[in-house]
């Protein structure tokens, strides 16, 4: 019975499991050259900063296999799943888009949860 109670009672885990929903917005209003020379290198730098700050990538999904163009009903183009040490790191991750002005081209939103206990029992 104690095991079932652990599953049913939500707990904030450490590290924190975070899903970032990633949506292209102004991306479609830029040139191929600007994307290659400015936007993509800045995005890669942000990802490197996230790792340096302790975020561990668990997995990604890009919805471009069966879709093209602006976001549809889902409201995102890709999702990134990370384990992150703390809430401050999560806010720094989203703020990185503002600080580098990539929020003009992308929208990113964090959803905080925990590993699904029945699938990731330890």
PDB file of N, CA and C in Angstrom:
ATOM      1  N   UNK A   1       0.825  -1.197   0.000  1.00  0.00           N
ATOM      2  CA  UNK A   1       0.000   0.000   0.000  1.00  0.00           C
ATOM      3  C   UNK A   1       0.868   1.259   0.000  1.00  0.00           C
ATOM      4  N   UNK A   2       1.987   1.190   0.703  1.00  0.00           N
ATOM      5  CA  UNK A   2       2.876   2.352   0.769  1.00  0.00           C
ATOM      6  C   UNK A   2       3.411   2.702  -0.624  1.00  0.00           C
ATOM      7  N   UNK A   3       3.722   1.691  -1.442  1.00  0.00           N
ATOM      8  CA  UNK A   3       4.220   1.893  -2.806  1.00  0.00           C
ATOM      9  C   UNK A   3       3.178   2.616  -3.660  1.00  0.00           C
ATOM     10  N   UNK A   4       1.897   2.237  -3.537  1.00  0.00           N
ATOM     11  CA  UNK A   4       0.831   2.882  -4.291  1.00  0.00           C
ATOM     12  C   UNK A   4       0.677   4.342  -3.889  1.00  0.00           C
ATOM     13  N   UNK A   5       0.826   4.639  -2.604  1.00  0.00           N
ATOM     14  CA  UNK A   5       0.720   6.018  -2.132  1.00  0.00           C
ATOM     15  C   UNK A   5       1.824   6.877  -2.732  1.00  0.00           C
ATOM     16  N   UNK A   6       3.025   6.312  -2.879  1.00  0.00           N
ATOM     17  CA  UNK A   6       4.128   7.054  -3.490  1.00  0.00           C
ATOM     18  C   UNK A   6       3.803   7.429  -4.927  1.00  0.00           C
ATOM     19  N   UNK A   7       3.121   6.546  -5.638  1.00  0.00           N
ATOM     20  CA  UNK A   7       2.772   6.793  -7.038  1.00  0.00           C
ATOM     21  C   UNK A   7       1.671   7.842  -7.139  1.00  0.00           C
ATOM     22  N   UNK A   8       0.692   7.788  -6.269  1.00  0.00           N
ATOM     23  CA  UNK A   8      -0.474   8.649  -6.367  1.00  0.00           C
ATOM     24  C   UNK A   8      -0.247  10.069  -5.863  1.00  0.00           C
ATOM     25  N   UNK A   9       0.648  10.258  -4.923  1.00  0.00           N
ATOM     26  CA  UNK A   9       0.873  11.587  -4.349  1.00  0.00           C
ATOM     27  C   UNK A   9       1.967  12.294  -5.148  1.00  0.00           C
ATOM     28  N   UNK A  10       1.605  13.357  -5.904  1.00  0.00           N
ATOM     29  CA  UNK A  10       2.606  14.063  -6.701  1.00  0.00           C
ATOM     30  C   UNK A  10       3.687  14.693  -5.822  1.00  0.00           C
ATOM     31  N   UNK A  11       4.925  14.559  -6.278  1.00  0.00           N
ATOM     32  CA  UNK A  11       6.052  15.159  -5.581  1.00  0.00           C
ATOM     33  C   UNK A  11       6.919  15.890  -6.597  1.00  0.00           C
ATOM     34  N   UNK A  12       7.486  16.989  -6.182  1.00  0.00           N
ATOM     35  CA  UNK A  12       8.456  17.668  -7.025  1.00  0.00           C
ATOM     36  C   UNK A  12       9.753  16.895  -6.918  1.00  0.00           C
ATOM     37  N   UNK A  13      10.255  16.458  -8.048  1.00  0.00           N
ATOM     38  CA  UNK A  13      11.479  15.662  -8.050  1.00  0.00           C
ATOM     39  C   UNK A  13      12.700  16.567  -8.149  1.00  0.00           C
ATOM     40  N   UNK A  14      13.825  15.993  -7.855  1.00  0.00           N
ATOM     41  CA  UNK A  14      15.084  16.691  -8.054  1.00  0.00           C
ATOM     42  C   UNK A  14      16.002  15.724  -8.780  1.00  0.00           C
ATOM     43  N   UNK A  15      16.442  16.028  -9.966  1.00  0.00           N
ATOM     44  CA  UNK A  15      16.209  17.264 -10.696  1.00  0.00           C
ATOM     45  C   UNK A  15      14.754  17.391 -11.144  1.00  0.00           C
ATOM     46  N   UNK A  16      14.398  18.583 -11.577  1.00  0.00           N
ATOM     47  CA  UNK A  16      13.042  18.858 -12.035  1.00  0.00           C
ATOM     48  C   UNK A  16      12.932  18.431 -13.499  1.00  0.00           C
ATOM     49  N   UNK A  17      11.886  17.691 -13.822  1.00  0.00           N
ATOM     50  CA  UNK A  17      11.630  17.299 -15.212  1.00  0.00           C
ATOM     51  C   UNK A  17      10.896  18.446 -15.896  1.00  0.00           C
ATOM     52  N   UNK A  18      11.416  18.898 -17.030  1.00  0.00           N
ATOM     53  CA  UNK A  18      10.850  20.047 -17.740  1.00  0.00           C
ATOM     54  C   UNK A  18      10.681  19.716 -19.223  1.00  0.00           C
ATOM     55  N   UNK A  19       9.504  20.035 -19.741  1.00  0.00           N
ATOM     56  CA  UNK A  19       9.267  19.950 -21.179  1.00  0.00           C
ATOM     57  C   UNK A  19       9.176  21.379 -21.697  1.00  0.00           C
ATOM     58  N   UNK A  20      10.035  21.703 -22.636  1.00  0.00           N
ATOM     59  CA  UNK A  20       9.970  23.014 -23.276  1.00  0.00           C
ATOM     60  C   UNK A  20       9.246  22.863 -24.598  1.00  0.00           C
ATOM     61  N   UNK A  21       8.141  23.594 -24.740  1.00  0.00           N
ATOM     62  CA  UNK A  21       7.430  23.629 -26.014  1.00  0.00           C
ATOM     63  C   UNK A  21       8.032  24.776 -26.815  1.00  0.00           C
ATOM     64  N   UNK A  22       8.440  24.481 -28.024  1.00  0.00           N
ATOM     65  CA  UNK A  22       9.207  25.396 -28.862  1.00  0.00           C
ATOM     66  C   UNK A  22       8.419  25.681 -30.133  1.00  0.00           C
ATOM     67  N   UNK A  23       8.144  26.942 -30.376  1.00  0.00           N
ATOM     68  CA  UNK A  23       7.333  27.334 -31.526  1.00  0.00           C
ATOM     69  C   UNK A  23       8.075  28.369 -32.355  1.00  0.00           C
ATOM     70  N   UNK A  24       8.111  28.162 -33.653  1.00  0.00           N
ATOM     71  CA  UNK A  24       8.681  29.158 -34.557  1.00  0.00           C
ATOM     72  C   UNK A  24       7.644  30.234 -34.806  1.00  0.00           C
ATOM     73  N   UNK A  25       8.053  31.471 -34.646  1.00  0.00           N
ATOM     74  CA  UNK A  25       7.132  32.587 -34.886  1.00  0.00           C
ATOM     75  C   UNK A  25       7.710  33.460 -36.002  1.00  0.00           C
ATOM     76  N   UNK A  26       8.582  34.390 -35.690  1.00  0.00           N
ATOM     77  CA  UNK A  26       9.188  35.273 -36.689  1.00  0.00           C
ATOM     78  C   UNK A  26      10.184  34.587 -37.602  1.00  0.00           C
ATOM     79  N   UNK A  27      10.508  33.351 -37.305  1.00  0.00           N
ATOM     80  CA  UNK A  27      11.416  32.546 -38.121  1.00  0.00           C
ATOM     81  C   UNK A  27      11.023  32.584 -39.595  1.00  0.00           C
ATOM     82  N   UNK A  28       9.728  32.537 -39.861  1.00  0.00           N
ATOM     83  CA  UNK A  28       9.245  32.471 -41.239  1.00  0.00           C
ATOM     84  C   UNK A  28       9.337  33.808 -41.966  1.00  0.00           C
ATOM     85  N   UNK A  29       9.629  34.866 -41.237  1.00  0.00           N
ATOM     86  CA  UNK A  29       9.709  36.197 -41.832  1.00  0.00           C
ATOM     87  C   UNK A  29      11.149  36.634 -42.078  1.00  0.00           C
ATOM     88  N   UNK A  30      12.086  35.703 -42.003  1.00  0.00           N
ATOM     89  CA  UNK A  30      13.499  36.024 -42.195  1.00  0.00           C
ATOM     90  C   UNK A  30      14.034  35.309 -43.428  1.00  0.00           C
ATOM     91  N   UNK A  31      15.214  35.730 -43.854  1.00  0.00           N
ATOM     92  CA  UNK A  31      15.836  35.112 -45.019  1.00  0.00           C
ATOM     93  C   UNK A  31      16.613  33.863 -44.612  1.00  0.00           C
ATOM     94  N   UNK A  32      16.882  33.039 -45.586  1.00  0.00           N
ATOM     95  CA  UNK A  32      17.678  31.827 -45.357  1.00  0.00           C
ATOM     96  C   UNK A  32      19.058  32.213 -44.824  1.00  0.00           C
ATOM     97  N   UNK A  33      19.648  33.243 -45.395  1.00  0.00           N
ATOM     98  CA  UNK A  33      20.973  33.687 -44.970  1.00  0.00           C
ATOM     99  C   UNK A  33      20.970  34.158 -43.516  1.00  0.00           C
ATOM    100  N   UNK A  34      19.946  34.919 -43.139  1.00  0.00           N
ATOM    101  CA  UNK A  34      19.872  35.424 -41.755  1.00  0.00           C
ATOM    102  C   UNK A  34      19.692  34.262 -40.779  1.00  0.00           C
ATOM    103  N   UNK A  35      18.917  33.289 -41.169  1.00  0.00           N
ATOM    104  CA  UNK A  35      18.735  32.103 -40.322  1.00  0.00           C
ATOM    105  C   UNK A  35      20.072  31.396 -40.114  1.00  0.00           C
ATOM    106  N   UNK A  36      20.806  31.183 -41.214  1.00  0.00           N
ATOM    107  CA  UNK A  36      22.069  30.451 -41.150  1.00  0.00           C
ATOM    108  C   UNK A  36      23.171  31.236 -40.451  1.00  0.00           C
ATOM    109  N   UNK A  37      23.207  32.554 -40.655  1.00  0.00           N
ATOM    110  CA  UNK A  37      24.310  33.372 -40.137  1.00  0.00           C
ATOM    111  C   UNK A  37      24.065  33.917 -38.729  1.00  0.00           C
ATOM    112  N   UNK A  38      22.814  34.118 -38.349  1.00  0.00           N
ATOM    113  CA  UNK A  38      22.518  34.759 -37.062  1.00  0.00           C
ATOM    114  C   UNK A  38      21.689  33.875 -36.138  1.00  0.00           C
ATOM    115  N   UNK A  39      20.512  33.483 -36.584  1.00  0.00           N
ATOM    116  CA  UNK A  39      19.564  32.818 -35.688  1.00  0.00           C
ATOM    117  C   UNK A  39      20.062  31.450 -35.222  1.00  0.00           C
ATOM    118  N   UNK A  40      20.460  30.604 -36.147  1.00  0.00           N
ATOM    119  CA  UNK A  40      20.881  29.253 -35.766  1.00  0.00           C
ATOM    120  C   UNK A  40      22.126  29.273 -34.866  1.00  0.00           C
ATOM    121  N   UNK A  41      23.161  30.072 -35.179  1.00  0.00           N
ATOM    122  CA  UNK A  41      24.302  30.132 -34.249  1.00  0.00           C
ATOM    123  C   UNK A  41      23.913  30.624 -32.851  1.00  0.00           C
ATOM    124  N   UNK A  42      23.016  31.590 -32.753  1.00  0.00           N
ATOM    125  CA  UNK A  42      22.558  32.074 -31.445  1.00  0.00           C
ATOM    126  C   UNK A  42      21.809  30.969 -30.694  1.00  0.00           C
ATOM    127  N   UNK A  43      20.967  30.241 -31.405  1.00  0.00           N
ATOM    128  CA  UNK A  43      20.216  29.146 -30.793  1.00  0.00           C
ATOM    129  C   UNK A  43      21.175  28.068 -30.274  1.00  0.00           C
ATOM    130  N   UNK A  44      22.186  27.742 -31.054  1.00  0.00           N
ATOM    131  CA  UNK A  44      23.176  26.753 -30.613  1.00  0.00           C
ATOM    132  C   UNK A  44      23.909  27.226 -29.359  1.00  0.00           C
ATOM    133  N   UNK A  45      24.214  28.505 -29.273  1.00  0.00           N
ATOM    134  CA  UNK A  45      24.880  29.055 -28.083  1.00  0.00           C
ATOM    135  C   UNK A  45      23.993  28.930 -26.846  1.00  0.00           C
ATOM    136  N   UNK A  46      22.709  29.187 -27.014  1.00  0.00           N
ATOM    137  CA  UNK A  46      21.763  29.053 -25.899  1.00  0.00           C
ATOM    138  C   UNK A  46      21.757  27.614 -25.390  1.00  0.00           C
ATOM    139  N   UNK A  47      21.689  26.657 -26.305  1.00  0.00           N
ATOM    140  CA  UNK A  47      21.665  25.244 -25.921  1.00  0.00           C
ATOM    141  C   UNK A  47      22.942  24.887 -25.148  1.00  0.00           C
ATOM    142  N   UNK A  48      24.092  25.386 -25.589  1.00  0.00           N
ATOM    143  CA  UNK A  48      25.356  25.140 -24.881  1.00  0.00           C
ATOM    144  C   UNK A  48      25.310  25.739 -23.474  1.00  0.00           C
ATOM    145  N   UNK A  49      24.739  26.955 -23.339  1.00  0.00           N
ATOM    146  CA  UNK A  49      24.605  27.601 -22.023  1.00  0.00           C
ATOM    147  C   UNK A  49      23.730  26.764 -21.097  1.00  0.00           C
ATOM    148  N   UNK A  50      22.638  26.227 -21.626  1.00  0.00           N
ATOM    149  CA  UNK A  50      21.751  25.398 -20.826  1.00  0.00           C
ATOM    150  C   UNK A  50      22.528  24.231 -20.228  1.00  0.00           C
ATOM    151  N   UNK A  51      23.323  23.563 -21.051  1.00  0.00           N
ATOM    152  CA  UNK A  51      24.104  22.413 -20.584  1.00  0.00           C
ATOM    153  C   UNK A  51      25.120  22.833 -19.530  1.00  0.00           C
ATOM    154  N   UNK A  52      25.779  23.968 -19.747  1.00  0.00           N
ATOM    155  CA  UNK A  52      26.762  24.472 -18.776  1.00  0.00           C
ATOM    156  C   UNK A  52      26.114  24.767 -17.432  1.00  0.00           C
ATOM    157  N   UNK A  53      24.825  25.147 -17.453  1.00  0.00           N
ATOM    158  CA  UNK A  53      24.099  25.473 -16.219  1.00  0.00           C
ATOM    159  C   UNK A  53      23.469  24.249 -15.559  1.00  0.00           C
ATOM    160  N   UNK A  54      23.754  23.060 -16.074  1.00  0.00           N
ATOM    161  CA  UNK A  54      23.305  21.844 -15.419  1.00  0.00           C
ATOM    162  C   UNK A  54      22.080  21.173 -16.002  1.00  0.00           C
ATOM    163  N   UNK A  55      21.518  21.707 -17.085  1.00  0.00           N
ATOM    164  CA  UNK A  55      20.363  21.067 -17.709  1.00  0.00           C
ATOM    165  C   UNK A  55      20.836  19.854 -18.506  1.00  0.00           C
ATOM    166  N   UNK A  56      20.157  18.726 -18.301  1.00  0.00           N
ATOM    167  CA  UNK A  56      20.527  17.495 -18.996  1.00  0.00           C
ATOM    168  C   UNK A  56      19.414  17.120 -19.971  1.00  0.00           C
ATOM    169  N   UNK A  57      19.746  17.083 -21.251  1.00  0.00           N
ATOM    170  CA  UNK A  57      18.774  16.729 -22.277  1.00  0.00           C
ATOM    171  C   UNK A  57      18.388  15.263 -22.151  1.00  0.00           C
ATOM    172  N   UNK A  58      17.075  15.007 -22.096  1.00  0.00           N
ATOM    173  CA  UNK A  58      16.539  13.647 -22.022  1.00  0.00           C
ATOM    174  C   UNK A  58      16.086  13.194 -23.412  1.00  0.00           C
ATOM    175  N   UNK A  59      15.447  14.098 -24.151  1.00  0.00           N
ATOM    176  CA  UNK A  59      14.975  13.754 -25.486  1.00  0.00           C
ATOM    177  C   UNK A  59      14.315  14.941 -26.161  1.00  0.00           C
ATOM    178  N   UNK A  60      14.045  14.797 -27.440  1.00  0.00           N
ATOM    179  CA  UNK A  60      13.392  15.842 -28.218  1.00  0.00           C
ATOM    180  C   UNK A  60      12.361  15.213 -29.144  1.00  0.00           C
ATOM    181  N   UNK A  61      11.452  16.031 -29.625  1.00  0.00           N
ATOM    182  CA  UNK A  61      10.542  15.612 -30.694  1.00  0.00           C
ATOM    183  C   UNK A  61      10.301  16.834 -31.573  1.00  0.00           C
ATOM    184  N   UNK A  62      10.452  16.633 -32.869  1.00  0.00           N
ATOM    185  CA  UNK A  62      10.209  17.698 -33.837  1.00  0.00           C
ATOM    186  C   UNK A  62       9.007  17.266 -34.665  1.00  0.00           C
ATOM    187  N   UNK A  63       7.995  18.098 -34.713  1.00  0.00           N
ATOM    188  CA  UNK A  63       6.739  17.748 -35.373  1.00  0.00           C
ATOM    189  C   UNK A  63       6.760  18.013 -36.872  1.00  0.00           C
ATOM    190  N   UNK A  64       7.939  18.250 -37.459  1.00  0.00           N
ATOM    191  CA  UNK A  64       7.990  18.617 -38.874  1.00  0.00           C
ATOM    192  C   UNK A  64       7.856  17.437 -39.836  1.00  0.00           C
ATOM    193  N   UNK A  65       7.721  16.229 -39.315  1.00  0.00           N
ATOM    194  CA  UNK A  65       7.606  15.064 -40.191  1.00  0.00           C
ATOM    195  C   UNK A  65       6.311  15.114 -41.002  1.00  0.00           C
ATOM    196  N   UNK A  66       5.213  15.479 -40.351  1.00  0.00           N
ATOM    197  CA  UNK A  66       3.918  15.512 -41.041  1.00  0.00           C
ATOM    198  C   UNK A  66       3.323  16.919 -41.108  1.00  0.00           C
ATOM    199  N   UNK A  67       4.167  17.935 -40.892  1.00  0.00           N
ATOM    200  CA  UNK A  67       3.671  19.309 -40.938  1.00  0.00           C
ATOM    201  C   UNK A  67       4.761  20.223 -41.486  1.00  0.00           C
ATOM    202  N   UNK A  68       4.335  21.322 -42.077  1.00  0.00           N
ATOM    203  CA  UNK A  68       5.257  22.356 -42.549  1.00  0.00           C
ATOM    204  C   UNK A  68       4.594  23.698 -42.325  1.00  0.00           C
ATOM    205  N   UNK A  69       5.395  24.723 -42.115  1.00  0.00           N
ATOM    206  CA  UNK A  69       4.850  26.061 -41.939  1.00  0.00           C
ATOM    207  C   UNK A  69       4.575  26.404 -40.497  1.00  0.00           C
ATOM    208  N   UNK A  70       3.707  27.367 -40.308  1.00  0.00           N
ATOM    209  CA  UNK A  70       3.415  27.871 -38.972  1.00  0.00           C
ATOM    210  C   UNK A  70       2.730  26.809 -38.117  1.00  0.00           C
ATOM    211  N   UNK A  71       2.825  26.997 -36.811  1.00  0.00           N
ATOM    212  CA  UNK A  71       2.291  26.018 -35.874  1.00  0.00           C
ATOM    213  C   UNK A  71       0.788  25.813 -36.053  1.00  0.00           C
ATOM    214  N   UNK A  72       0.358  24.626 -35.741  1.00  0.00           N
ATOM    215  CA  UNK A  72      -1.055  24.280 -35.857  1.00  0.00           C
ATOM    216  C   UNK A  72      -1.722  24.241 -34.500  1.00  0.00           C
ATOM    217  N   UNK A  73      -2.641  23.309 -34.324  1.00  0.00           N
ATOM    218  CA  UNK A  73      -3.422  23.203 -33.101  1.00  0.00           C
ATOM    219  C   UNK A  73      -2.570  22.912 -31.873  1.00  0.00           C
ATOM    220  N   UNK A  74      -1.480  22.207 -32.044  1.00  0.00           N
ATOM    221  CA  UNK A  74      -0.641  21.873 -30.900  1.00  0.00           C
ATOM    222  C   UNK A  74       0.009  23.108 -30.286  1.00  0.00           C
ATOM    223  N   UNK A  75       0.289  24.122 -31.099  1.00  0.00           N
ATOM    224  CA  UNK A  75       0.905  25.339 -30.591  1.00  0.00           C
ATOM    225  C   UNK A  75       2.411  25.221 -30.417  1.00  0.00           C
ATOM    226  N   UNK A  76       3.035  24.201 -30.995  1.00  0.00           N
ATOM    227  CA  UNK A  76       4.488  24.059 -30.929  1.00  0.00           C
ATOM    228  C   UNK A  76       4.981  23.294 -32.143  1.00  0.00           C
ATOM    229  N   UNK A  77       6.244  23.521 -32.460  1.00  0.00           N
ATOM    230  CA  UNK A  77       6.895  22.799 -33.548  1.00  0.00           C
ATOM    231  C   UNK A  77       7.768  21.669 -33.026  1.00  0.00           C
ATOM    232  N   UNK A  78       8.324  21.887 -31.842  1.00  0.00           N
ATOM    233  CA  UNK A  78       9.216  20.890 -31.257  1.00  0.00           C
ATOM    234  C   UNK A  78       9.076  20.936 -29.740  1.00  0.00           C
ATOM    235  N   UNK A  79       9.467  19.846 -29.099  1.00  0.00           N
ATOM    236  CA  UNK A  79       9.517  19.790 -27.637  1.00  0.00           C
ATOM    237  C   UNK A  79      10.875  19.267 -27.228  1.00  0.00           C
ATOM    238  N   UNK A  80      11.384  19.841 -26.163  1.00  0.00           N
ATOM    239  CA  UNK A  80      12.665  19.412 -25.601  1.00  0.00           C
ATOM    240  C   UNK A  80      12.401  18.962 -24.177  1.00  0.00           C
ATOM    241  N   UNK A  81      12.879  17.795 -23.821  1.00  0.00           N
ATOM    242  CA  UNK A  81      12.680  17.261 -22.480  1.00  0.00           C
ATOM    243  C   UNK A  81      14.020  17.266 -21.747  1.00  0.00           C
ATOM    244  N   UNK A  82      14.043  17.961 -20.609  1.00  0.00           N
ATOM    245  CA  UNK A  82      15.268  18.119 -19.826  1.00  0.00           C
ATOM    246  C   UNK A  82      15.040  17.738 -18.374  1.00  0.00           C
ATOM    247  N   UNK A  83      16.106  17.317 -17.717  1.00  0.00           N
ATOM    248  CA  UNK A  83      16.173  17.290 -16.271  1.00  0.00           C
ATOM    249  C   UNK A  83      17.005  18.507 -15.887  1.00  0.00           C
ATOM    250  N   UNK A  84      16.446  19.352 -15.011  1.00  0.00           N
ATOM    251  CA  UNK A  84      17.055  20.639 -14.669  1.00  0.00           C
ATOM    252  C   UNK A  84      17.210  20.714 -13.152  1.00  0.00           C
ATOM    253  N   UNK A  85      18.347  21.244 -12.671  1.00  0.00           N
ATOM    254  CA  UNK A  85      18.611  21.211 -11.233  1.00  0.00           C
ATOM    255  C   UNK A  85      17.627  21.989 -10.357  1.00  0.00           C
ATOM    256  N   UNK A  86      17.125  23.137 -10.839  1.00  0.00           N
ATOM    257  CA  UNK A  86      16.256  23.948  -9.976  1.00  0.00           C
ATOM    258  C   UNK A  86      15.439  24.936 -10.800  1.00  0.00           C
ATOM    259  N   UNK A  87      14.491  25.580 -10.138  1.00  0.00           N
ATOM    260  CA  UNK A  87      13.593  26.526 -10.801  1.00  0.00           C
ATOM    261  C   UNK A  87      14.349  27.720 -11.381  1.00  0.00           C
ATOM    262  N   UNK A  88      15.374  28.198 -10.694  1.00  0.00           N
ATOM    263  CA  UNK A  88      16.156  29.336 -11.193  1.00  0.00           C
ATOM    264  C   UNK A  88      16.790  29.018 -12.542  1.00  0.00           C
ATOM    265  N   UNK A  89      17.249  27.793 -12.702  1.00  0.00           N
ATOM    266  CA  UNK A  89      17.845  27.390 -13.974  1.00  0.00           C
ATOM    267  C   UNK A  89      16.796  27.386 -15.077  1.00  0.00           C
ATOM    268  N   UNK A  90      15.593  26.936 -14.756  1.00  0.00           N
ATOM    269  CA  UNK A  90      14.510  26.917 -15.747  1.00  0.00           C
ATOM    270  C   UNK A  90      14.189  28.340 -16.204  1.00  0.00           C
ATOM    271  N   UNK A  91      14.074  29.266 -15.271  1.00  0.00           N
ATOM    272  CA  UNK A  91      13.771  30.648 -15.662  1.00  0.00           C
ATOM    273  C   UNK A  91      14.919  31.254 -16.459  1.00  0.00           C
ATOM    274  N   UNK A  92      16.152  30.883 -16.133  1.00  0.00           N
ATOM    275  CA  UNK A  92      17.303  31.366 -16.907  1.00  0.00           C
ATOM    276  C   UNK A  92      17.261  30.807 -18.334  1.00  0.00           C
ATOM    277  N   UNK A  93      16.784  29.579 -18.474  1.00  0.00           N
ATOM    278  CA  UNK A  93      16.704  28.960 -19.795  1.00  0.00           C
ATOM    279  C   UNK A  93      15.716  29.703 -20.693  1.00  0.00           C
ATOM    280  N   UNK A  94      14.565  30.035 -20.169  1.00  0.00           N
ATOM    281  CA  UNK A  94      13.597  30.769 -20.989  1.00  0.00           C
ATOM    282  C   UNK A  94      14.054  32.203 -21.210  1.00  0.00           C
ATOM    283  N   UNK A  95      14.677  32.798 -20.190  1.00  0.00           N
ATOM    284  CA  UNK A  95      15.144  34.179 -20.329  1.00  0.00           C
ATOM    285  C   UNK A  95      16.250  34.306 -21.379  1.00  0.00           C
ATOM    286  N   UNK A  96      17.007  33.254 -21.594  1.00  0.00           N
ATOM    287  CA  UNK A  96      18.082  33.296 -22.592  1.00  0.00           C
ATOM    288  C   UNK A  96      17.556  33.696 -23.969  1.00  0.00           C
ATOM    289  N   UNK A  97      16.319  33.319 -24.272  1.00  0.00           N
ATOM    290  CA  UNK A  97      15.727  33.703 -25.557  1.00  0.00           C
ATOM    291  C   UNK A  97      15.477  35.206 -25.610  1.00  0.00           C
ATOM    292  N   UNK A  98      15.041  35.788 -24.484  1.00  0.00           N
ATOM    293  CA  UNK A  98      14.841  37.238 -24.425  1.00  0.00           C
ATOM    294  C   UNK A  98      16.174  37.973 -24.502  1.00  0.00           C
ATOM    295  N   UNK A  99      17.137  37.501 -23.731  1.00  0.00           N
ATOM    296  CA  UNK A  99      18.429  38.175 -23.633  1.00  0.00           C
ATOM    297  C   UNK A  99      19.138  38.239 -24.986  1.00  0.00           C
ATOM    298  N   UNK A 100      18.977  37.224 -25.797  1.00  0.00           N
ATOM    299  CA  UNK A 100      19.612  37.193 -27.124  1.00  0.00           C
ATOM    300  C   UNK A 100      18.648  37.620 -28.230  1.00  0.00           C
ATOM    301  N   UNK A 101      17.481  38.099 -27.819  1.00  0.00           N
ATOM    302  CA  UNK A 101      16.440  38.585 -28.728  1.00  0.00           C
ATOM    303  C   UNK A 101      15.931  37.514 -29.703  1.00  0.00           C
ATOM    304  N   UNK A 102      16.067  36.261 -29.303  1.00  0.00           N
ATOM    305  CA  UNK A 102      15.516  35.197 -30.131  1.00  0.00           C
ATOM    306  C   UNK A 102      14.024  35.017 -29.910  1.00  0.00           C
ATOM    307  N   UNK A 103      13.489  35.715 -28.910  1.00  0.00           N
ATOM    308  CA  UNK A 103      12.037  35.672 -28.706  1.00  0.00           C
ATOM    309  C   UNK A 103      11.300  36.368 -29.851  1.00  0.00           C
ATOM    310  N   UNK A 104      12.037  37.035 -30.730  1.00  0.00           N
ATOM    311  CA  UNK A 104      11.447  37.618 -31.946  1.00  0.00           C
ATOM    312  C   UNK A 104      11.158  36.527 -32.981  1.00  0.00           C
ATOM    313  N   UNK A 105      11.855  35.397 -32.859  1.00  0.00           N
ATOM    314  CA  UNK A 105      11.767  34.334 -33.852  1.00  0.00           C
ATOM    315  C   UNK A 105      11.163  33.039 -33.321  1.00  0.00           C
ATOM    316  N   UNK A 106      11.232  32.892 -31.995  1.00  0.00           N
ATOM    317  CA  UNK A 106      10.733  31.666 -31.377  1.00  0.00           C
ATOM    318  C   UNK A 106       9.974  31.997 -30.099  1.00  0.00           C
ATOM    319  N   UNK A 107       9.045  31.137 -29.781  1.00  0.00           N
ATOM    320  CA  UNK A 107       8.370  31.182 -28.486  1.00  0.00           C
ATOM    321  C   UNK A 107       8.730  29.898 -27.769  1.00  0.00           C
ATOM    322  N   UNK A 108       9.080  30.012 -26.494  1.00  0.00           N
ATOM    323  CA  UNK A 108       9.418  28.835 -25.711  1.00  0.00           C
ATOM    324  C   UNK A 108       8.654  28.899 -24.398  1.00  0.00           C
ATOM    325  N   UNK A 109       8.113  27.775 -23.997  1.00  0.00           N
ATOM    326  CA  UNK A 109       7.342  27.726 -22.759  1.00  0.00           C
ATOM    327  C   UNK A 109       7.693  26.447 -22.003  1.00  0.00           C
ATOM    328  N   UNK A 110       7.918  26.585 -20.713  1.00  0.00           N
ATOM    329  CA  UNK A 110       8.294  25.448 -19.885  1.00  0.00           C
ATOM    330  C   UNK A 110       7.067  24.849 -19.199  1.00  0.00           C
ATOM    331  N   UNK A 111       7.015  23.529 -19.193  1.00  0.00           N
ATOM    332  CA  UNK A 111       6.008  22.786 -18.451  1.00  0.00           C
ATOM    333  C   UNK A 111       6.778  21.911 -17.463  1.00  0.00           C
ATOM    334  N   UNK A 112       6.482  22.094 -16.189  1.00  0.00           N
ATOM    335  CA  UNK A 112       7.206  21.378 -15.143  1.00  0.00           C
ATOM    336  C   UNK A 112       6.388  20.177 -14.686  1.00  0.00           C
ATOM    337  N   UNK A 113       7.048  19.067 -14.536  1.00  0.00           N
ATOM    338  CA  UNK A 113       6.381  17.861 -14.060  1.00  0.00           C
ATOM    339  C   UNK A 113       7.366  16.971 -13.327  1.00  0.00           C
ATOM    340  N   UNK A 114       7.178  15.699 -13.482  1.00  0.00           N
ATOM    341  CA  UNK A 114       8.076  14.711 -12.881  1.00  0.00           C
ATOM    342  C   UNK A 114       8.097  13.508 -13.803  1.00  0.00           C
ATOM    343  N   UNK A 115       9.081  12.623 -13.654  1.00  0.00           N
ATOM    344  CA  UNK A 115       9.060  11.408 -14.455  1.00  0.00           C
ATOM    345  C   UNK A 115       7.772  10.623 -14.183  1.00  0.00           C
ATOM    346  N   UNK A 116       7.253   9.957 -15.195  1.00  0.00           N
ATOM    347  CA  UNK A 116       6.058   9.131 -15.035  1.00  0.00           C
ATOM    348  C   UNK A 116       6.484   7.862 -14.306  1.00  0.00           C
ATOM    349  N   UNK A 117       6.085   7.763 -13.051  1.00  0.00           N
ATOM    350  CA  UNK A 117       6.616   6.758 -12.138  1.00  0.00           C
ATOM    351  C   UNK A 117       6.454   5.324 -12.661  1.00  0.00           C
ATOM    352  N   UNK A 118       5.339   5.026 -13.278  1.00  0.00           N
ATOM    353  CA  UNK A 118       5.107   3.652 -13.740  1.00  0.00           C
ATOM    354  C   UNK A 118       6.050   3.250 -14.877  1.00  0.00           C
ATOM    355  N   UNK A 119       6.560   4.230 -15.624  1.00  0.00           N
ATOM    356  CA  UNK A 119       7.469   3.940 -16.723  1.00  0.00           C
ATOM    357  C   UNK A 119       8.934   4.145 -16.362  1.00  0.00           C
ATOM    358  N   UNK A 120       9.200   4.922 -15.315  1.00  0.00           N
ATOM    359  CA  UNK A 120      10.573   5.234 -14.959  1.00  0.00           C
ATOM    360  C   UNK A 120      10.868   4.871 -13.502  1.00  0.00           C
ATOM    361  N   UNK A 121      10.336   3.740 -13.073  1.00  0.00           N
ATOM    362  CA  UNK A 121      10.598   3.301 -11.691  1.00  0.00           C
ATOM    363  C   UNK A 121      12.084   3.038 -11.499  1.00  0.00           C
ATOM    364  N   UNK A 122      12.559   3.421 -10.320  1.00  0.00           N
ATOM    365  CA  UNK A 122      13.982   3.201 -10.030  1.00  0.00           C
ATOM    366  C   UNK A 122      14.148   2.170  -8.961  1.00  0.00           C
TER     367      UNK A 122
END
